[in-house]
Amino acid sequence: MFLGDTGSLTLGFVLGATSLLENRKGTVAVTLLLPMVLLAIPLLDAALAFVRRVRRGRHPFRRDTEHLHHRLLGLGLTPRQILTVVYGLAVCL
């Protein structure tokens, strides 16, 4: 919703390249955990969507409007406010 294909591909490339560049032996944990922490919210949202659809008997790869950003839109937040909330959650992680 925020990045589109080009933005998400660029972000993925930058995360992957950053992980590969940070290869000092003392920071192996940071190198491995950094991408997982940064992507925790989207990965968790996707996993919960998959489980939710399977539990309801729907096809797990069909789209729906129950992702985190859809729910926040339903609460009346603007896209800018939603982005702030998601960034805030990411910073807390």
N, C-alpha and C. Protein backbone atom coordinates (compact mmCIF):
# COMPACT_ATOMS: atom_id res chain seq x y z
N MET A 1 0.82 -1.18 0.00
CA MET A 1 0.00 0.00 0.00
C MET A 1 0.87 1.25 0.00
N PHE A 2 1.99 1.20 0.69
CA PHE A 2 2.82 2.39 0.81
C PHE A 2 3.94 2.42 -0.23
N LEU A 3 4.51 1.26 -0.53
CA LEU A 3 5.71 1.23 -1.35
C LEU A 3 5.47 0.84 -2.80
N GLY A 4 4.55 -0.03 -3.05
CA GLY A 4 4.39 -0.56 -4.40
C GLY A 4 5.50 -1.56 -4.70
N ASP A 5 5.50 -2.07 -5.91
CA ASP A 5 6.50 -3.08 -6.29
C ASP A 5 7.91 -2.53 -6.26
N THR A 6 8.12 -1.38 -6.85
CA THR A 6 9.47 -0.83 -6.94
C THR A 6 10.03 -0.50 -5.57
N GLY A 7 9.24 0.10 -4.72
CA GLY A 7 9.71 0.45 -3.38
C GLY A 7 10.00 -0.77 -2.53
N SER A 8 9.15 -1.78 -2.60
CA SER A 8 9.37 -2.97 -1.78
C SER A 8 10.57 -3.77 -2.28
N LEU A 9 10.76 -3.83 -3.60
CA LEU A 9 11.94 -4.53 -4.13
C LEU A 9 13.23 -3.79 -3.73
N THR A 10 13.20 -2.48 -3.80
CA THR A 10 14.37 -1.70 -3.40
C THR A 10 14.66 -1.88 -1.91
N LEU A 11 13.63 -1.84 -1.10
CA LEU A 11 13.80 -2.04 0.34
C LEU A 11 14.36 -3.42 0.64
N GLY A 12 13.86 -4.44 -0.02
CA GLY A 12 14.38 -5.80 0.17
C GLY A 12 15.83 -5.90 -0.23
N PHE A 13 16.19 -5.28 -1.35
CA PHE A 13 17.58 -5.30 -1.79
C PHE A 13 18.49 -4.61 -0.79
N VAL A 14 18.07 -3.46 -0.29
CA VAL A 14 18.88 -2.72 0.67
C VAL A 14 19.04 -3.52 1.96
N LEU A 15 17.97 -4.15 2.44
CA LEU A 15 18.08 -4.97 3.65
C LEU A 15 19.04 -6.13 3.44
N GLY A 16 18.93 -6.81 2.31
CA GLY A 16 19.81 -7.93 2.01
C GLY A 16 21.26 -7.49 1.89
N ALA A 17 21.49 -6.40 1.19
CA ALA A 17 22.85 -5.90 1.02
C ALA A 17 23.44 -5.46 2.35
N THR A 18 22.65 -4.82 3.19
CA THR A 18 23.13 -4.38 4.50
C THR A 18 23.51 -5.58 5.35
N SER A 19 22.70 -6.62 5.30
CA SER A 19 23.00 -7.82 6.08
C SER A 19 24.30 -8.47 5.61
N LEU A 20 24.53 -8.48 4.32
CA LEU A 20 25.76 -9.08 3.79
C LEU A 20 26.99 -8.22 4.08
N LEU A 21 26.82 -6.92 4.08
CA LEU A 21 27.96 -6.04 4.34
C LEU A 21 28.39 -6.07 5.80
N GLU A 22 27.48 -6.31 6.68
CA GLU A 22 27.77 -6.35 8.12
C GLU A 22 28.20 -7.77 8.47
N ASN A 23 29.47 -8.10 8.22
CA ASN A 23 29.90 -9.48 8.40
C ASN A 23 31.05 -9.63 9.39
N ARG A 24 31.19 -8.71 10.30
CA ARG A 24 32.21 -8.86 11.34
C ARG A 24 31.82 -9.99 12.28
N LYS A 25 32.78 -10.73 12.79
CA LYS A 25 32.49 -11.91 13.61
C LYS A 25 31.78 -11.56 14.92
N GLY A 26 32.08 -10.44 15.49
CA GLY A 26 31.48 -10.07 16.76
C GLY A 26 30.02 -9.70 16.66
N THR A 27 29.54 -9.45 15.45
CA THR A 27 28.16 -9.00 15.30
C THR A 27 27.33 -9.96 14.45
N VAL A 28 27.63 -11.25 14.55
CA VAL A 28 26.88 -12.23 13.77
C VAL A 28 25.41 -12.21 14.15
N ALA A 29 25.13 -12.10 15.44
CA ALA A 29 23.73 -12.07 15.89
C ALA A 29 23.01 -10.85 15.32
N VAL A 30 23.68 -9.71 15.33
CA VAL A 30 23.06 -8.49 14.79
C VAL A 30 22.83 -8.65 13.30
N THR A 31 23.82 -9.23 12.61
CA THR A 31 23.70 -9.42 11.17
C THR A 31 22.51 -10.30 10.82
N LEU A 32 22.29 -11.34 11.58
CA LEU A 32 21.19 -12.27 11.30
C LEU A 32 19.85 -11.76 11.80
N LEU A 33 19.86 -11.05 12.90
CA LEU A 33 18.59 -10.61 13.49
C LEU A 33 18.07 -9.30 12.91
N LEU A 34 18.94 -8.45 12.38
CA LEU A 34 18.51 -7.15 11.86
C LEU A 34 17.39 -7.26 10.83
N PRO A 35 17.53 -8.08 9.79
CA PRO A 35 16.43 -8.17 8.82
C PRO A 35 15.15 -8.74 9.44
N MET A 36 15.29 -9.71 10.35
CA MET A 36 14.09 -10.30 10.96
C MET A 36 13.37 -9.29 11.83
N VAL A 37 14.10 -8.48 12.56
CA VAL A 37 13.47 -7.47 13.41
C VAL A 37 12.82 -6.39 12.56
N LEU A 38 13.51 -5.95 11.51
CA LEU A 38 12.96 -4.90 10.65
C LEU A 38 11.72 -5.38 9.89
N LEU A 39 11.67 -6.66 9.59
CA LEU A 39 10.54 -7.21 8.83
C LEU A 39 9.54 -7.94 9.71
N ALA A 40 9.67 -7.82 11.03
CA ALA A 40 8.79 -8.56 11.94
C ALA A 40 7.32 -8.21 11.73
N ILE A 41 7.01 -6.95 11.58
CA ILE A 41 5.61 -6.54 11.45
C ILE A 41 5.00 -7.07 10.14
N PRO A 42 5.63 -6.87 8.98
CA PRO A 42 5.03 -7.41 7.75
C PRO A 42 4.97 -8.94 7.75
N LEU A 43 6.00 -9.60 8.29
CA LEU A 43 5.99 -11.07 8.33
C LEU A 43 4.89 -11.58 9.26
N LEU A 44 4.75 -10.96 10.41
CA LEU A 44 3.70 -11.35 11.35
C LEU A 44 2.32 -11.10 10.76
N ASP A 45 2.14 -9.97 10.09
CA ASP A 45 0.87 -9.65 9.46
C ASP A 45 0.53 -10.69 8.39
N ALA A 46 1.51 -11.07 7.58
CA ALA A 46 1.27 -12.07 6.54
C ALA A 46 0.97 -13.44 7.14
N ALA A 47 1.70 -13.82 8.19
CA ALA A 47 1.45 -15.11 8.82
C ALA A 47 0.07 -15.16 9.46
N LEU A 48 -0.31 -14.09 10.13
CA LEU A 48 -1.64 -14.05 10.76
C LEU A 48 -2.75 -14.07 9.70
N ALA A 49 -2.53 -13.41 8.57
CA ALA A 49 -3.51 -13.43 7.49
C ALA A 49 -3.68 -14.85 6.95
N PHE A 50 -2.57 -15.54 6.77
CA PHE A 50 -2.61 -16.92 6.28
C PHE A 50 -3.39 -17.82 7.24
N VAL A 51 -3.07 -17.74 8.52
CA VAL A 51 -3.75 -18.56 9.52
C VAL A 51 -5.23 -18.20 9.60
N ARG A 52 -5.54 -16.92 9.58
CA ARG A 52 -6.92 -16.46 9.66
C ARG A 52 -7.75 -17.01 8.50
N ARG A 53 -7.20 -16.97 7.31
CA ARG A 53 -7.93 -17.46 6.14
C ARG A 53 -8.13 -18.96 6.19
N VAL A 54 -7.12 -19.69 6.59
CA VAL A 54 -7.24 -21.15 6.68
C VAL A 54 -8.27 -21.53 7.73
N ARG A 55 -8.27 -20.87 8.86
CA ARG A 55 -9.23 -21.18 9.93
C ARG A 55 -10.67 -20.91 9.50
N ARG A 56 -10.84 -19.93 8.63
CA ARG A 56 -12.19 -19.60 8.15
C ARG A 56 -12.59 -20.43 6.93
N GLY A 57 -11.70 -21.32 6.49
CA GLY A 57 -12.01 -22.17 5.35
C GLY A 57 -11.87 -21.48 4.01
N ARG A 58 -11.18 -20.37 3.98
CA ARG A 58 -10.96 -19.65 2.73
C ARG A 58 -9.59 -19.99 2.17
N HIS A 59 -9.40 -19.73 0.90
CA HIS A 59 -8.12 -19.99 0.26
C HIS A 59 -7.07 -19.08 0.90
N PRO A 60 -5.92 -19.63 1.33
CA PRO A 60 -4.95 -18.81 2.07
C PRO A 60 -4.25 -17.74 1.24
N PHE A 61 -4.31 -17.85 -0.08
CA PHE A 61 -3.61 -16.86 -0.91
C PHE A 61 -4.54 -15.86 -1.58
N ARG A 62 -5.80 -15.87 -1.21
CA ARG A 62 -6.74 -14.86 -1.73
C ARG A 62 -6.64 -13.60 -0.88
N ARG A 63 -6.80 -12.48 -1.52
CA ARG A 63 -6.68 -11.22 -0.78
C ARG A 63 -7.90 -11.00 0.11
N ASP A 64 -7.70 -10.18 1.11
CA ASP A 64 -8.79 -9.76 1.97
C ASP A 64 -8.48 -8.35 2.47
N THR A 65 -9.38 -7.82 3.25
CA THR A 65 -9.19 -6.46 3.77
C THR A 65 -9.05 -6.48 5.29
N GLU A 66 -8.33 -7.47 5.79
CA GLU A 66 -8.16 -7.58 7.23
C GLU A 66 -6.70 -7.48 7.66
N HIS A 67 -5.85 -6.98 6.78
CA HIS A 67 -4.46 -6.75 7.17
C HIS A 67 -4.40 -5.58 8.13
N LEU A 68 -3.25 -5.41 8.75
CA LEU A 68 -3.07 -4.36 9.76
C LEU A 68 -3.42 -2.98 9.21
N HIS A 69 -2.94 -2.65 8.03
CA HIS A 69 -3.21 -1.30 7.50
C HIS A 69 -4.69 -1.12 7.17
N HIS A 70 -5.39 -2.19 6.75
CA HIS A 70 -6.83 -2.08 6.51
C HIS A 70 -7.59 -1.84 7.82
N ARG A 71 -7.17 -2.53 8.85
CA ARG A 71 -7.83 -2.35 10.15
C ARG A 71 -7.62 -0.94 10.70
N LEU A 72 -6.40 -0.44 10.52
CA LEU A 72 -6.13 0.93 10.98
C LEU A 72 -6.88 1.96 10.15
N LEU A 73 -7.02 1.71 8.85
CA LEU A 73 -7.85 2.59 8.02
C LEU A 73 -9.30 2.57 8.51
N GLY A 74 -9.77 1.39 8.90
CA GLY A 74 -11.13 1.26 9.41
C GLY A 74 -11.36 2.02 10.70
N LEU A 75 -10.28 2.23 11.45
CA LEU A 75 -10.38 3.01 12.69
C LEU A 75 -10.39 4.51 12.42
N GLY A 76 -10.20 4.89 11.15
CA GLY A 76 -10.25 6.30 10.79
C GLY A 76 -8.90 6.98 10.68
N LEU A 77 -7.82 6.22 10.74
CA LEU A 77 -6.50 6.83 10.60
C LEU A 77 -6.20 7.12 9.14
N THR A 78 -5.42 8.14 8.91
CA THR A 78 -4.98 8.48 7.56
C THR A 78 -3.77 7.61 7.22
N PRO A 79 -3.44 7.47 5.94
CA PRO A 79 -2.24 6.70 5.59
C PRO A 79 -0.97 7.21 6.28
N ARG A 80 -0.84 8.50 6.45
CA ARG A 80 0.34 9.04 7.14
C ARG A 80 0.35 8.61 8.61
N GLN A 81 -0.80 8.62 9.26
CA GLN A 81 -0.89 8.19 10.65
C GLN A 81 -0.61 6.69 10.77
N ILE A 82 -1.09 5.91 9.81
CA ILE A 82 -0.84 4.47 9.82
C ILE A 82 0.65 4.20 9.68
N LEU A 83 1.30 4.93 8.79
CA LEU A 83 2.73 4.77 8.62
C LEU A 83 3.47 5.11 9.90
N THR A 84 3.04 6.14 10.59
CA THR A 84 3.65 6.51 11.85
C THR A 84 3.47 5.42 12.90
N VAL A 85 2.29 4.83 12.95
CA VAL A 85 2.02 3.74 13.90
C VAL A 85 2.92 2.54 13.60
N VAL A 86 2.99 2.15 12.32
CA VAL A 86 3.79 0.99 11.94
C VAL A 86 5.28 1.26 12.20
N TYR A 87 5.75 2.46 11.86
CA TYR A 87 7.15 2.81 12.16
C TYR A 87 7.40 2.78 13.65
N GLY A 88 6.45 3.28 14.43
CA GLY A 88 6.60 3.26 15.89
C GLY A 88 6.70 1.85 16.43
N LEU A 89 5.87 0.96 15.92
CA LEU A 89 5.95 -0.45 16.33
C LEU A 89 7.30 -1.05 15.95
N ALA A 90 7.79 -0.73 14.77
CA ALA A 90 9.08 -1.25 14.32
C ALA A 90 10.21 -0.73 15.21
N VAL A 91 10.15 0.53 15.62
CA VAL A 91 11.17 1.10 16.49
C VAL A 91 11.12 0.41 17.85
N CYS A 92 9.92 0.10 18.34
CA CYS A 92 9.80 -0.59 19.62
C CYS A 92 10.43 -2.00 19.56
N LEU A 93 10.33 -2.64 18.41
CA LEU A 93 10.95 -3.96 18.27
C LEU A 93 12.47 -3.84 18.26
